[in-house]
Amino acid sequence: MHRDFWLERWKKKEIGFHQENYNEYLIQYGEEFFKSCNFIFVPLCGKTKDILWFYHNKKKVAGIELSEIACKEFFIENQISYNLIYYNDFIVYVSIDKKIIIINGDFFQLNKELFEYFEIHIDGIYDRASLIALPSDLRKKYVEKIFELFDDKIKYFLITMEYEPLENSDKEIGPPFSVPEKEIKILFQDKFKLNKVKEKPIERNNVKNCKEVLYFLEK
């Protein structure tokens, strides 16, 4: 999606994708899956409460978010004091204890130098609504950027969505977009062993056979 689409959604408070509570899969599986991880990366993080789940479970967290509104609201709503640091084209929000870092800027412009500068050493990725927020052409770029930034020793907690359109159409429906298992394999199987952990039917307007799917990706 074009960056202006998401900026406008936050400006107009059209953020139905935001969850007020911790994600149920994170609560159920997160502690065990991320047990060996110390620093979690949350791409396209918005102001998700799940960052707090990691924080309260003694993990450091770094997120990347395009909207300045979302970054500010995360810290204000959760009453977390922070410092602002300007780094090239990014504004970086760093909690006073340096355990939560939210990078305000374009995910596709991220580079390893920024992570090194802020001593961000990622060993786990939490993707609840990032991959499914992107159309197919950007999903490939997204995964390529993940591989560029991190090695394949990281653990990757991935939640996707699958559904079928009510009528035949060449146009993708979304966001959130449907990302079928065969695409997950194409995108990730060269780097990770894929484990489909759970799938659950969910309701969504104007589509059929909709379900959420949880994958664990690791070596």
N, C-alpha and C. Protein backbone atom coordinates (compact mmCIF):
# COMPACT_ATOMS: atom_id res chain seq x y z
N MET A 1 0.85 -1.19 0.00
CA MET A 1 0.00 0.00 0.00
C MET A 1 0.89 1.25 0.00
N HIS A 2 0.42 2.28 -0.64
CA HIS A 2 1.15 3.54 -0.63
C HIS A 2 1.20 4.09 0.78
N ARG A 3 2.34 4.71 1.14
CA ARG A 3 2.52 5.20 2.51
C ARG A 3 1.40 6.16 2.93
N ASP A 4 0.89 6.98 1.97
CA ASP A 4 -0.16 7.94 2.33
C ASP A 4 -1.44 7.26 2.78
N PHE A 5 -1.68 6.04 2.29
CA PHE A 5 -2.87 5.29 2.70
C PHE A 5 -2.85 5.06 4.21
N TRP A 6 -1.70 4.61 4.73
CA TRP A 6 -1.61 4.31 6.16
C TRP A 6 -1.55 5.57 7.01
N LEU A 7 -0.87 6.58 6.52
CA LEU A 7 -0.81 7.84 7.26
C LEU A 7 -2.20 8.44 7.41
N GLU A 8 -3.00 8.32 6.35
CA GLU A 8 -4.36 8.85 6.38
C GLU A 8 -5.24 8.03 7.33
N ARG A 9 -5.03 6.72 7.35
CA ARG A 9 -5.81 5.87 8.26
C ARG A 9 -5.57 6.29 9.72
N TRP A 10 -4.33 6.54 10.08
CA TRP A 10 -4.03 6.96 11.45
C TRP A 10 -4.56 8.36 11.73
N LYS A 11 -4.46 9.23 10.75
CA LYS A 11 -4.94 10.59 10.92
C LYS A 11 -6.44 10.62 11.17
N LYS A 12 -7.17 9.75 10.45
CA LYS A 12 -8.63 9.71 10.58
C LYS A 12 -9.10 8.73 11.65
N LYS A 13 -8.15 8.10 12.33
CA LYS A 13 -8.47 7.11 13.37
C LYS A 13 -9.22 5.92 12.80
N GLU A 14 -8.95 5.58 11.57
CA GLU A 14 -9.55 4.39 10.95
C GLU A 14 -8.59 3.22 11.18
N ILE A 15 -8.56 2.76 12.42
CA ILE A 15 -7.54 1.78 12.82
C ILE A 15 -8.21 0.55 13.42
N GLY A 16 -9.13 -0.02 12.65
CA GLY A 16 -9.80 -1.23 13.10
C GLY A 16 -8.86 -2.40 13.29
N PHE A 17 -7.69 -2.31 12.69
CA PHE A 17 -6.68 -3.37 12.83
C PHE A 17 -6.01 -3.35 14.20
N HIS A 18 -6.14 -2.24 14.93
CA HIS A 18 -5.50 -2.14 16.24
C HIS A 18 -6.29 -2.93 17.28
N GLN A 19 -5.60 -3.76 18.05
CA GLN A 19 -6.22 -4.54 19.12
C GLN A 19 -5.93 -3.90 20.46
N GLU A 20 -6.97 -3.77 21.29
CA GLU A 20 -6.80 -3.14 22.59
C GLU A 20 -6.18 -4.07 23.62
N ASN A 21 -6.19 -5.37 23.34
CA ASN A 21 -5.64 -6.34 24.29
C ASN A 21 -4.50 -7.11 23.64
N TYR A 22 -3.77 -7.87 24.45
CA TYR A 22 -2.71 -8.70 23.92
C TYR A 22 -3.28 -9.73 22.95
N ASN A 23 -2.53 -10.05 21.94
CA ASN A 23 -2.97 -11.05 20.97
C ASN A 23 -3.07 -12.42 21.65
N GLU A 24 -4.15 -13.15 21.35
CA GLU A 24 -4.39 -14.43 22.02
C GLU A 24 -3.31 -15.46 21.72
N TYR A 25 -2.76 -15.46 20.49
CA TYR A 25 -1.71 -16.42 20.15
C TYR A 25 -0.42 -16.09 20.89
N LEU A 26 -0.17 -14.81 21.05
CA LEU A 26 1.03 -14.38 21.80
C LEU A 26 0.93 -14.83 23.25
N ILE A 27 -0.24 -14.67 23.84
CA ILE A 27 -0.45 -15.11 25.23
C ILE A 27 -0.27 -16.62 25.35
N GLN A 28 -0.82 -17.35 24.39
CA GLN A 28 -0.81 -18.82 24.46
C GLN A 28 0.55 -19.42 24.15
N TYR A 29 1.25 -18.86 23.17
CA TYR A 29 2.47 -19.50 22.67
C TYR A 29 3.74 -18.66 22.84
N GLY A 30 3.58 -17.38 23.12
CA GLY A 30 4.72 -16.48 23.08
C GLY A 30 5.82 -16.78 24.07
N GLU A 31 5.46 -17.09 25.30
CA GLU A 31 6.49 -17.30 26.32
C GLU A 31 7.42 -18.45 25.96
N GLU A 32 6.86 -19.55 25.49
CA GLU A 32 7.67 -20.70 25.13
C GLU A 32 8.46 -20.44 23.84
N PHE A 33 7.80 -19.86 22.83
CA PHE A 33 8.46 -19.67 21.55
C PHE A 33 9.63 -18.70 21.66
N PHE A 34 9.45 -17.62 22.41
CA PHE A 34 10.48 -16.59 22.52
C PHE A 34 11.38 -16.78 23.74
N LYS A 35 11.33 -17.95 24.36
CA LYS A 35 12.06 -18.19 25.61
C LYS A 35 13.54 -17.87 25.48
N SER A 36 14.14 -18.23 24.35
CA SER A 36 15.58 -18.04 24.17
C SER A 36 15.92 -16.68 23.58
N CYS A 37 14.91 -15.85 23.31
CA CYS A 37 15.14 -14.55 22.66
C CYS A 37 15.24 -13.43 23.68
N ASN A 38 16.07 -12.44 23.38
CA ASN A 38 16.26 -11.29 24.26
C ASN A 38 15.75 -9.98 23.66
N PHE A 39 15.78 -9.89 22.32
CA PHE A 39 15.44 -8.62 21.67
C PHE A 39 14.50 -8.92 20.49
N ILE A 40 13.27 -8.44 20.59
CA ILE A 40 12.22 -8.76 19.62
C ILE A 40 11.99 -7.58 18.68
N PHE A 41 11.85 -7.89 17.41
CA PHE A 41 11.52 -6.87 16.41
C PHE A 41 10.06 -7.01 16.01
N VAL A 42 9.33 -5.87 16.03
CA VAL A 42 7.92 -5.84 15.67
C VAL A 42 7.75 -4.91 14.46
N PRO A 43 7.73 -5.47 13.24
CA PRO A 43 7.60 -4.62 12.05
C PRO A 43 6.20 -4.05 11.90
N LEU A 44 6.12 -2.85 11.33
CA LEU A 44 4.83 -2.17 11.10
C LEU A 44 3.96 -2.24 12.35
N CYS A 45 4.51 -1.77 13.45
CA CYS A 45 3.98 -2.09 14.78
C CYS A 45 2.77 -1.27 15.21
N GLY A 46 2.51 -0.12 14.56
CA GLY A 46 1.43 0.72 15.05
C GLY A 46 1.69 1.10 16.49
N LYS A 47 0.64 1.00 17.31
CA LYS A 47 0.80 1.24 18.75
C LYS A 47 0.39 -0.02 19.52
N THR A 48 0.71 -1.17 18.95
CA THR A 48 0.23 -2.43 19.51
C THR A 48 0.59 -2.64 20.98
N LYS A 49 -0.37 -3.12 21.72
CA LYS A 49 -0.16 -3.46 23.12
C LYS A 49 0.81 -4.63 23.27
N ASP A 50 0.98 -5.40 22.20
CA ASP A 50 1.85 -6.58 22.29
C ASP A 50 3.29 -6.21 22.62
N ILE A 51 3.68 -4.99 22.29
CA ILE A 51 5.00 -4.52 22.70
C ILE A 51 5.12 -4.57 24.22
N LEU A 52 4.04 -4.20 24.92
CA LEU A 52 4.06 -4.24 26.39
C LEU A 52 4.15 -5.68 26.91
N TRP A 53 3.53 -6.61 26.19
CA TRP A 53 3.62 -8.01 26.61
C TRP A 53 5.07 -8.45 26.65
N PHE A 54 5.81 -8.12 25.62
CA PHE A 54 7.24 -8.48 25.61
C PHE A 54 7.99 -7.75 26.72
N TYR A 55 7.69 -6.49 26.88
CA TYR A 55 8.35 -5.67 27.91
C TYR A 55 8.13 -6.26 29.30
N HIS A 56 6.88 -6.65 29.59
CA HIS A 56 6.57 -7.22 30.89
C HIS A 56 7.12 -8.64 31.05
N ASN A 57 7.48 -9.26 29.93
CA ASN A 57 8.11 -10.58 29.99
C ASN A 57 9.63 -10.48 29.83
N LYS A 58 10.17 -9.34 30.22
CA LYS A 58 11.62 -9.14 30.36
C LYS A 58 12.36 -9.18 29.03
N LYS A 59 11.68 -8.78 27.95
CA LYS A 59 12.34 -8.70 26.65
C LYS A 59 12.53 -7.23 26.26
N LYS A 60 13.58 -6.97 25.51
CA LYS A 60 13.71 -5.68 24.84
C LYS A 60 12.94 -5.75 23.53
N VAL A 61 12.41 -4.61 23.09
CA VAL A 61 11.57 -4.59 21.89
C VAL A 61 11.95 -3.40 21.02
N ALA A 62 12.06 -3.66 19.71
CA ALA A 62 12.20 -2.58 18.73
C ALA A 62 11.10 -2.72 17.69
N GLY A 63 10.44 -1.62 17.40
CA GLY A 63 9.41 -1.63 16.37
C GLY A 63 9.71 -0.60 15.30
N ILE A 64 9.10 -0.75 14.15
CA ILE A 64 9.18 0.25 13.09
C ILE A 64 7.75 0.63 12.70
N GLU A 65 7.48 1.92 12.62
CA GLU A 65 6.13 2.38 12.34
C GLU A 65 6.18 3.66 11.51
N LEU A 66 5.40 3.70 10.44
CA LEU A 66 5.38 4.84 9.53
C LEU A 66 4.73 6.07 10.14
N SER A 67 3.70 5.87 10.96
CA SER A 67 2.90 6.99 11.47
C SER A 67 3.48 7.56 12.76
N GLU A 68 3.76 8.84 12.74
CA GLU A 68 4.22 9.54 13.94
C GLU A 68 3.13 9.54 15.01
N ILE A 69 1.87 9.61 14.58
CA ILE A 69 0.74 9.59 15.52
C ILE A 69 0.77 8.31 16.34
N ALA A 70 0.94 7.18 15.67
CA ALA A 70 0.96 5.89 16.36
C ALA A 70 2.11 5.80 17.35
N CYS A 71 3.28 6.27 16.94
CA CYS A 71 4.45 6.21 17.83
C CYS A 71 4.21 7.01 19.11
N LYS A 72 3.74 8.23 18.95
CA LYS A 72 3.49 9.08 20.11
C LYS A 72 2.41 8.48 21.02
N GLU A 73 1.34 8.00 20.39
CA GLU A 73 0.22 7.49 21.19
C GLU A 73 0.62 6.25 21.98
N PHE A 74 1.51 5.43 21.43
CA PHE A 74 1.94 4.26 22.19
C PHE A 74 2.54 4.69 23.52
N PHE A 75 3.46 5.64 23.51
CA PHE A 75 4.14 6.04 24.74
C PHE A 75 3.21 6.84 25.66
N ILE A 76 2.38 7.70 25.09
CA ILE A 76 1.49 8.52 25.91
C ILE A 76 0.43 7.65 26.58
N GLU A 77 -0.23 6.78 25.79
CA GLU A 77 -1.31 5.96 26.34
C GLU A 77 -0.82 4.97 27.38
N ASN A 78 0.41 4.52 27.25
CA ASN A 78 0.95 3.55 28.21
C ASN A 78 1.82 4.20 29.28
N GLN A 79 1.83 5.55 29.27
CA GLN A 79 2.53 6.34 30.29
C GLN A 79 3.99 5.91 30.43
N ILE A 80 4.66 5.83 29.31
CA ILE A 80 6.08 5.46 29.27
C ILE A 80 6.88 6.68 28.82
N SER A 81 7.81 7.12 29.64
CA SER A 81 8.64 8.27 29.30
C SER A 81 9.67 7.87 28.24
N TYR A 82 10.01 8.82 27.37
CA TYR A 82 10.91 8.48 26.28
C TYR A 82 11.74 9.68 25.88
N ASN A 83 12.81 9.40 25.15
CA ASN A 83 13.62 10.42 24.50
C ASN A 83 13.45 10.29 22.99
N LEU A 84 13.60 11.42 22.31
CA LEU A 84 13.56 11.43 20.84
C LEU A 84 14.97 11.59 20.31
N ILE A 85 15.32 10.75 19.36
CA ILE A 85 16.63 10.84 18.73
C ILE A 85 16.43 10.85 17.22
N TYR A 86 17.05 11.80 16.55
CA TYR A 86 16.94 11.90 15.11
C TYR A 86 18.12 11.21 14.46
N TYR A 87 17.82 10.27 13.56
CA TYR A 87 18.87 9.50 12.90
C TYR A 87 18.55 9.42 11.41
N ASN A 88 19.31 10.18 10.60
CA ASN A 88 19.05 10.25 9.16
C ASN A 88 17.58 10.59 8.91
N ASP A 89 16.84 9.75 8.19
CA ASP A 89 15.44 10.04 7.87
C ASP A 89 14.47 9.50 8.91
N PHE A 90 14.98 9.03 10.03
CA PHE A 90 14.14 8.41 11.04
C PHE A 90 14.09 9.27 12.31
N ILE A 91 12.94 9.18 12.99
CA ILE A 91 12.83 9.70 14.36
C ILE A 91 12.68 8.48 15.26
N VAL A 92 13.54 8.36 16.25
CA VAL A 92 13.58 7.16 17.06
C VAL A 92 13.14 7.48 18.49
N TYR A 93 12.09 6.79 18.92
CA TYR A 93 11.54 6.94 20.26
C TYR A 93 12.17 5.87 21.14
N VAL A 94 12.86 6.31 22.18
CA VAL A 94 13.58 5.37 23.06
C VAL A 94 13.09 5.57 24.49
N SER A 95 12.54 4.51 25.08
CA SER A 95 12.10 4.61 26.48
C SER A 95 13.29 4.93 27.37
N ILE A 96 13.02 5.56 28.49
CA ILE A 96 14.09 6.00 29.38
C ILE A 96 14.99 4.84 29.80
N ASP A 97 14.41 3.66 30.00
CA ASP A 97 15.23 2.50 30.38
C ASP A 97 15.83 1.79 29.17
N LYS A 98 15.56 2.31 27.95
CA LYS A 98 16.14 1.81 26.69
C LYS A 98 15.70 0.38 26.35
N LYS A 99 14.57 -0.03 26.90
CA LYS A 99 14.08 -1.39 26.62
C LYS A 99 12.99 -1.42 25.55
N ILE A 100 12.46 -0.24 25.21
CA ILE A 100 11.49 -0.14 24.11
C ILE A 100 11.99 0.93 23.15
N ILE A 101 12.12 0.56 21.88
CA ILE A 101 12.56 1.49 20.84
C ILE A 101 11.56 1.40 19.69
N ILE A 102 10.96 2.53 19.34
CA ILE A 102 10.08 2.56 18.18
C ILE A 102 10.65 3.54 17.16
N ILE A 103 10.92 3.02 15.99
CA ILE A 103 11.53 3.80 14.92
C ILE A 103 10.41 4.34 14.03
N ASN A 104 10.33 5.64 13.93
CA ASN A 104 9.31 6.27 13.09
C ASN A 104 9.90 6.52 11.70
N GLY A 105 9.37 5.78 10.71
CA GLY A 105 9.87 5.94 9.36
C GLY A 105 9.45 4.79 8.48
N ASP A 106 10.04 4.73 7.31
CA ASP A 106 9.68 3.76 6.28
C ASP A 106 10.45 2.46 6.50
N PHE A 107 9.74 1.37 6.71
CA PHE A 107 10.36 0.06 6.92
C PHE A 107 11.35 -0.28 5.81
N PHE A 108 11.00 0.04 4.58
CA PHE A 108 11.83 -0.34 3.44
C PHE A 108 13.12 0.47 3.34
N GLN A 109 13.25 1.51 4.18
CA GLN A 109 14.48 2.29 4.21
C GLN A 109 15.39 1.90 5.39
N LEU A 110 14.95 0.94 6.18
CA LEU A 110 15.78 0.50 7.31
C LEU A 110 17.10 -0.07 6.82
N ASN A 111 18.13 0.06 7.67
CA ASN A 111 19.43 -0.54 7.35
C ASN A 111 20.11 -1.03 8.62
N LYS A 112 21.10 -1.86 8.45
CA LYS A 112 21.81 -2.44 9.58
C LYS A 112 22.53 -1.39 10.41
N GLU A 113 22.94 -0.30 9.76
CA GLU A 113 23.68 0.74 10.48
C GLU A 113 22.83 1.34 11.60
N LEU A 114 21.53 1.52 11.35
CA LEU A 114 20.65 2.06 12.39
C LEU A 114 20.60 1.10 13.58
N PHE A 115 20.46 -0.19 13.30
CA PHE A 115 20.40 -1.17 14.39
C PHE A 115 21.70 -1.19 15.18
N GLU A 116 22.81 -1.07 14.49
CA GLU A 116 24.11 -1.06 15.18
C GLU A 116 24.26 0.20 16.03
N TYR A 117 23.82 1.34 15.49
CA TYR A 117 23.95 2.60 16.21
C TYR A 117 23.18 2.56 17.54
N PHE A 118 21.97 1.97 17.52
CA PHE A 118 21.14 1.91 18.73
C PHE A 118 21.32 0.60 19.51
N GLU A 119 22.33 -0.18 19.12
CA GLU A 119 22.65 -1.45 19.79
C GLU A 119 21.42 -2.37 19.87
N ILE A 120 20.77 -2.50 18.72
CA ILE A 120 19.60 -3.37 18.61
C ILE A 120 20.05 -4.70 18.01
N HIS A 121 20.02 -5.74 18.83
CA HIS A 121 20.52 -7.05 18.41
C HIS A 121 19.34 -8.03 18.39
N ILE A 122 18.66 -8.09 17.26
CA ILE A 122 17.41 -8.83 17.16
C ILE A 122 17.65 -10.34 17.06
N ASP A 123 16.89 -11.11 17.86
CA ASP A 123 16.93 -12.57 17.73
C ASP A 123 15.53 -13.18 17.62
N GLY A 124 14.51 -12.33 17.56
CA GLY A 124 13.14 -12.81 17.37
C GLY A 124 12.30 -11.77 16.64
N ILE A 125 11.39 -12.23 15.79
CA ILE A 125 10.48 -11.33 15.07
C ILE A 125 9.05 -11.73 15.40
N TYR A 126 8.24 -10.72 15.68
CA TYR A 126 6.82 -10.92 15.95
C TYR A 126 6.02 -10.18 14.89
N ASP A 127 5.35 -10.93 14.03
CA ASP A 127 4.60 -10.36 12.91
C ASP A 127 3.13 -10.76 13.04
N ARG A 128 2.33 -9.88 13.64
CA ARG A 128 0.91 -10.16 13.80
C ARG A 128 0.10 -9.66 12.62
N ALA A 129 0.45 -8.50 12.10
CA ALA A 129 -0.39 -7.89 11.06
C ALA A 129 0.45 -7.12 10.05
N SER A 130 1.69 -7.54 9.85
CA SER A 130 2.58 -6.82 8.94
C SER A 130 2.52 -7.38 7.53
N LEU A 131 2.81 -8.66 7.41
CA LEU A 131 2.81 -9.28 6.08
C LEU A 131 1.45 -9.14 5.42
N ILE A 132 0.38 -9.35 6.18
CA ILE A 132 -0.96 -9.30 5.61
C ILE A 132 -1.44 -7.87 5.35
N ALA A 133 -0.67 -6.88 5.78
CA ALA A 133 -1.02 -5.49 5.50
C ALA A 133 -0.56 -5.06 4.11
N LEU A 134 0.24 -5.92 3.45
CA LEU A 134 0.88 -5.53 2.20
C LEU A 134 0.34 -6.32 1.02
N PRO A 135 0.18 -5.69 -0.14
CA PRO A 135 -0.19 -6.43 -1.36
C PRO A 135 0.96 -7.31 -1.81
N SER A 136 0.70 -8.20 -2.74
CA SER A 136 1.65 -9.25 -3.09
C SER A 136 3.01 -8.72 -3.54
N ASP A 137 3.04 -7.64 -4.32
CA ASP A 137 4.33 -7.14 -4.79
C ASP A 137 5.19 -6.62 -3.65
N LEU A 138 4.56 -6.02 -2.64
CA LEU A 138 5.31 -5.52 -1.50
C LEU A 138 5.65 -6.62 -0.50
N ARG A 139 4.87 -7.68 -0.47
CA ARG A 139 5.19 -8.79 0.45
C ARG A 139 6.56 -9.38 0.12
N LYS A 140 6.83 -9.54 -1.16
CA LYS A 140 8.14 -10.07 -1.57
C LYS A 140 9.26 -9.13 -1.15
N LYS A 141 9.07 -7.83 -1.36
CA LYS A 141 10.06 -6.84 -0.95
C LYS A 141 10.25 -6.82 0.57
N TYR A 142 9.13 -6.98 1.27
CA TYR A 142 9.15 -7.00 2.72
C TYR A 142 10.03 -8.15 3.24
N VAL A 143 9.82 -9.33 2.71
CA VAL A 143 10.59 -10.49 3.16
C VAL A 143 12.06 -10.36 2.76
N GLU A 144 12.32 -9.82 1.60
CA GLU A 144 13.70 -9.57 1.18
C GLU A 144 14.39 -8.60 2.14
N LYS A 145 13.67 -7.59 2.60
CA LYS A 145 14.23 -6.64 3.56
C LYS A 145 14.50 -7.31 4.90
N ILE A 146 13.60 -8.19 5.34
CA ILE A 146 13.82 -8.94 6.57
C ILE A 146 15.12 -9.75 6.46
N PHE A 147 15.30 -10.43 5.33
CA PHE A 147 16.51 -11.23 5.14
C PHE A 147 17.75 -10.36 5.05
N GLU A 148 17.60 -9.15 4.52
CA GLU A 148 18.72 -8.22 4.43
C GLU A 148 19.15 -7.74 5.82
N LEU A 149 18.17 -7.50 6.68
CA LEU A 149 18.46 -6.94 8.01
C LEU A 149 18.94 -7.97 9.02
N PHE A 150 18.39 -9.20 8.93
CA PHE A 150 18.63 -10.19 9.97
C PHE A 150 19.11 -11.51 9.36
N ASP A 151 19.88 -12.25 10.13
CA ASP A 151 20.30 -13.55 9.62
C ASP A 151 19.20 -14.59 9.87
N ASP A 152 19.42 -15.78 9.36
CA ASP A 152 18.35 -16.79 9.43
C ASP A 152 18.36 -17.58 10.75
N LYS A 153 19.10 -17.07 11.73
CA LYS A 153 19.09 -17.73 13.05
C LYS A 153 17.99 -17.17 13.95
N ILE A 154 17.32 -16.14 13.47
CA ILE A 154 16.23 -15.57 14.26
C ILE A 154 15.03 -16.51 14.29
N LYS A 155 14.18 -16.32 15.29
CA LYS A 155 12.91 -17.04 15.38
C LYS A 155 11.80 -16.08 14.93
N TYR A 156 10.86 -16.59 14.16
CA TYR A 156 9.87 -15.74 13.51
C TYR A 156 8.46 -16.26 13.84
N PHE A 157 7.71 -15.45 14.55
CA PHE A 157 6.33 -15.75 14.97
C PHE A 157 5.42 -15.01 13.99
N LEU A 158 4.72 -15.75 13.14
CA LEU A 158 3.99 -15.15 12.03
C LEU A 158 2.51 -15.50 12.07
N ILE A 159 1.66 -14.48 12.08
CA ILE A 159 0.21 -14.67 12.01
C ILE A 159 -0.27 -14.14 10.67
N THR A 160 -0.95 -14.98 9.91
CA THR A 160 -1.46 -14.57 8.61
C THR A 160 -2.97 -14.74 8.55
N MET A 161 -3.52 -14.42 7.38
CA MET A 161 -4.95 -14.58 7.13
C MET A 161 -5.12 -15.19 5.74
N GLU A 162 -6.09 -16.09 5.63
CA GLU A 162 -6.42 -16.67 4.33
C GLU A 162 -7.93 -16.57 4.12
N TYR A 163 -8.33 -16.24 2.89
CA TYR A 163 -9.74 -16.22 2.55
C TYR A 163 -9.89 -16.26 1.04
N GLU A 164 -11.13 -16.42 0.59
CA GLU A 164 -11.44 -16.42 -0.83
C GLU A 164 -12.44 -15.31 -1.12
N PRO A 165 -12.32 -14.66 -2.28
CA PRO A 165 -13.30 -13.63 -2.64
C PRO A 165 -14.65 -14.27 -2.92
N LEU A 166 -15.70 -13.51 -2.71
CA LEU A 166 -17.05 -14.00 -3.01
C LEU A 166 -17.24 -14.18 -4.51
N GLU A 167 -16.59 -13.34 -5.30
CA GLU A 167 -16.68 -13.44 -6.74
C GLU A 167 -15.28 -13.46 -7.34
N ASN A 168 -15.14 -14.09 -8.49
CA ASN A 168 -13.84 -14.14 -9.16
C ASN A 168 -13.39 -12.73 -9.55
N SER A 169 -12.14 -12.45 -9.20
CA SER A 169 -11.59 -11.13 -9.50
C SER A 169 -10.07 -11.22 -9.55
N ASP A 170 -9.46 -10.45 -10.43
CA ASP A 170 -8.00 -10.41 -10.52
C ASP A 170 -7.42 -9.43 -9.50
N LYS A 171 -8.27 -8.66 -8.87
CA LYS A 171 -7.81 -7.65 -7.92
C LYS A 171 -7.74 -8.22 -6.52
N GLU A 172 -6.62 -7.95 -5.85
CA GLU A 172 -6.47 -8.39 -4.46
C GLU A 172 -7.42 -7.61 -3.56
N ILE A 173 -8.00 -8.32 -2.60
CA ILE A 173 -8.85 -7.68 -1.59
C ILE A 173 -7.98 -7.40 -0.37
N GLY A 174 -8.12 -6.21 0.19
CA GLY A 174 -7.35 -5.92 1.39
C GLY A 174 -7.02 -4.44 1.47
N PRO A 175 -6.32 -4.06 2.53
CA PRO A 175 -5.84 -4.91 3.63
C PRO A 175 -6.95 -5.21 4.66
N PRO A 176 -6.79 -6.28 5.45
CA PRO A 176 -5.71 -7.27 5.37
C PRO A 176 -5.87 -8.16 4.14
N PHE A 177 -4.73 -8.57 3.59
CA PHE A 177 -4.72 -9.40 2.40
C PHE A 177 -4.64 -10.87 2.76
N SER A 178 -5.16 -11.68 1.87
CA SER A 178 -5.04 -13.13 2.04
C SER A 178 -3.65 -13.58 1.60
N VAL A 179 -2.97 -14.33 2.48
CA VAL A 179 -1.63 -14.85 2.15
C VAL A 179 -1.67 -16.36 2.36
N PRO A 180 -1.91 -17.14 1.31
CA PRO A 180 -2.07 -18.58 1.46
C PRO A 180 -0.76 -19.28 1.81
N GLU A 181 -0.90 -20.50 2.28
CA GLU A 181 0.26 -21.27 2.73
C GLU A 181 1.29 -21.45 1.62
N LYS A 182 0.84 -21.65 0.39
CA LYS A 182 1.80 -21.85 -0.70
C LYS A 182 2.68 -20.62 -0.90
N GLU A 183 2.13 -19.43 -0.65
CA GLU A 183 2.94 -18.22 -0.76
C GLU A 183 3.92 -18.11 0.40
N ILE A 184 3.48 -18.48 1.59
CA ILE A 184 4.39 -18.49 2.75
C ILE A 184 5.59 -19.38 2.45
N LYS A 185 5.35 -20.53 1.86
CA LYS A 185 6.45 -21.45 1.53
C LYS A 185 7.40 -20.83 0.51
N ILE A 186 6.84 -20.19 -0.51
CA ILE A 186 7.68 -19.55 -1.52
C ILE A 186 8.54 -18.45 -0.90
N LEU A 187 7.95 -17.68 -0.01
CA LEU A 187 8.65 -16.54 0.59
C LEU A 187 9.73 -16.96 1.59
N PHE A 188 9.46 -18.02 2.36
CA PHE A 188 10.30 -18.30 3.52
C PHE A 188 11.06 -19.62 3.52
N GLN A 189 10.64 -20.61 2.75
CA GLN A 189 11.16 -21.95 3.00
C GLN A 189 12.65 -22.12 2.66
N ASP A 190 13.21 -21.20 1.87
CA ASP A 190 14.64 -21.28 1.60
C ASP A 190 15.48 -20.92 2.81
N LYS A 191 14.88 -20.20 3.75
CA LYS A 191 15.62 -19.73 4.93
C LYS A 191 15.18 -20.41 6.23
N PHE A 192 13.91 -20.83 6.29
CA PHE A 192 13.36 -21.33 7.54
C PHE A 192 12.67 -22.68 7.37
N LYS A 193 12.61 -23.40 8.46
CA LYS A 193 11.71 -24.54 8.56
C LYS A 193 10.35 -24.00 8.98
N LEU A 194 9.29 -24.35 8.25
CA LEU A 194 7.97 -23.82 8.52
C LEU A 194 7.14 -24.81 9.33
N ASN A 195 6.52 -24.29 10.37
CA ASN A 195 5.64 -25.12 11.20
C ASN A 195 4.31 -24.40 11.35
N LYS A 196 3.27 -24.97 10.72
CA LYS A 196 1.93 -24.40 10.90
C LYS A 196 1.40 -24.89 12.23
N VAL A 197 1.19 -23.96 13.16
CA VAL A 197 0.85 -24.30 14.54
C VAL A 197 -0.66 -24.38 14.74
N LYS A 198 -1.38 -23.43 14.15
CA LYS A 198 -2.81 -23.35 14.44
C LYS A 198 -3.51 -22.57 13.33
N GLU A 199 -4.75 -22.95 13.05
CA GLU A 199 -5.59 -22.13 12.20
C GLU A 199 -6.99 -22.07 12.80
N LYS A 200 -7.63 -20.92 12.64
CA LYS A 200 -8.92 -20.69 13.28
C LYS A 200 -9.84 -19.93 12.34
N PRO A 201 -11.06 -20.43 12.11
CA PRO A 201 -12.02 -19.68 11.27
C PRO A 201 -12.37 -18.35 11.93
N ILE A 202 -12.47 -17.31 11.13
CA ILE A 202 -12.88 -15.99 11.64
C ILE A 202 -13.88 -15.37 10.66
N GLU A 203 -14.60 -14.40 11.15
CA GLU A 203 -15.58 -13.71 10.33
C GLU A 203 -14.95 -12.48 9.68
N ARG A 204 -15.22 -12.32 8.39
CA ARG A 204 -14.81 -11.10 7.69
C ARG A 204 -15.79 -10.83 6.58
N ASN A 205 -16.18 -9.58 6.45
CA ASN A 205 -17.19 -9.20 5.46
C ASN A 205 -16.66 -9.37 4.03
N ASN A 206 -17.56 -9.75 3.15
CA ASN A 206 -17.31 -9.76 1.70
C ASN A 206 -16.30 -10.80 1.23
N VAL A 207 -16.00 -11.79 2.07
CA VAL A 207 -15.13 -12.89 1.66
C VAL A 207 -15.71 -14.18 2.23
N LYS A 208 -15.15 -15.32 1.82
CA LYS A 208 -15.59 -16.60 2.35
C LYS A 208 -14.39 -17.43 2.78
N ASN A 209 -14.68 -18.43 3.62
CA ASN A 209 -13.65 -19.35 4.11
C ASN A 209 -12.46 -18.62 4.72
N CYS A 210 -12.76 -17.65 5.55
CA CYS A 210 -11.71 -16.83 6.15
C CYS A 210 -11.16 -17.50 7.42
N LYS A 211 -9.85 -17.46 7.57
CA LYS A 211 -9.22 -18.05 8.75
C LYS A 211 -7.91 -17.33 9.07
N GLU A 212 -7.57 -17.34 10.34
CA GLU A 212 -6.26 -16.89 10.80
C GLU A 212 -5.35 -18.11 10.90
N VAL A 213 -4.08 -17.91 10.58
CA VAL A 213 -3.13 -19.01 10.63
C VAL A 213 -1.87 -18.55 11.36
N LEU A 214 -1.40 -19.39 12.28
CA LEU A 214 -0.19 -19.10 13.03
C LEU A 214 0.93 -20.03 12.57
N TYR A 215 2.07 -19.44 12.21
CA TYR A 215 3.25 -20.21 11.82
C TYR A 215 4.41 -19.90 12.78
N PHE A 216 5.22 -20.91 13.03
CA PHE A 216 6.52 -20.72 13.66
C PHE A 216 7.57 -20.96 12.58
N LEU A 217 8.45 -19.99 12.40
CA LEU A 217 9.53 -20.09 11.42
C LEU A 217 10.85 -20.05 12.16
N GLU A 218 11.66 -21.08 11.96
CA GLU A 218 12.97 -21.12 12.59
C GLU A 218 13.85 -22.14 11.89
N LYS A 219 15.13 -22.10 12.20
CA LYS A 219 16.07 -23.03 11.58
C LYS A 219 15.84 -24.43 12.11
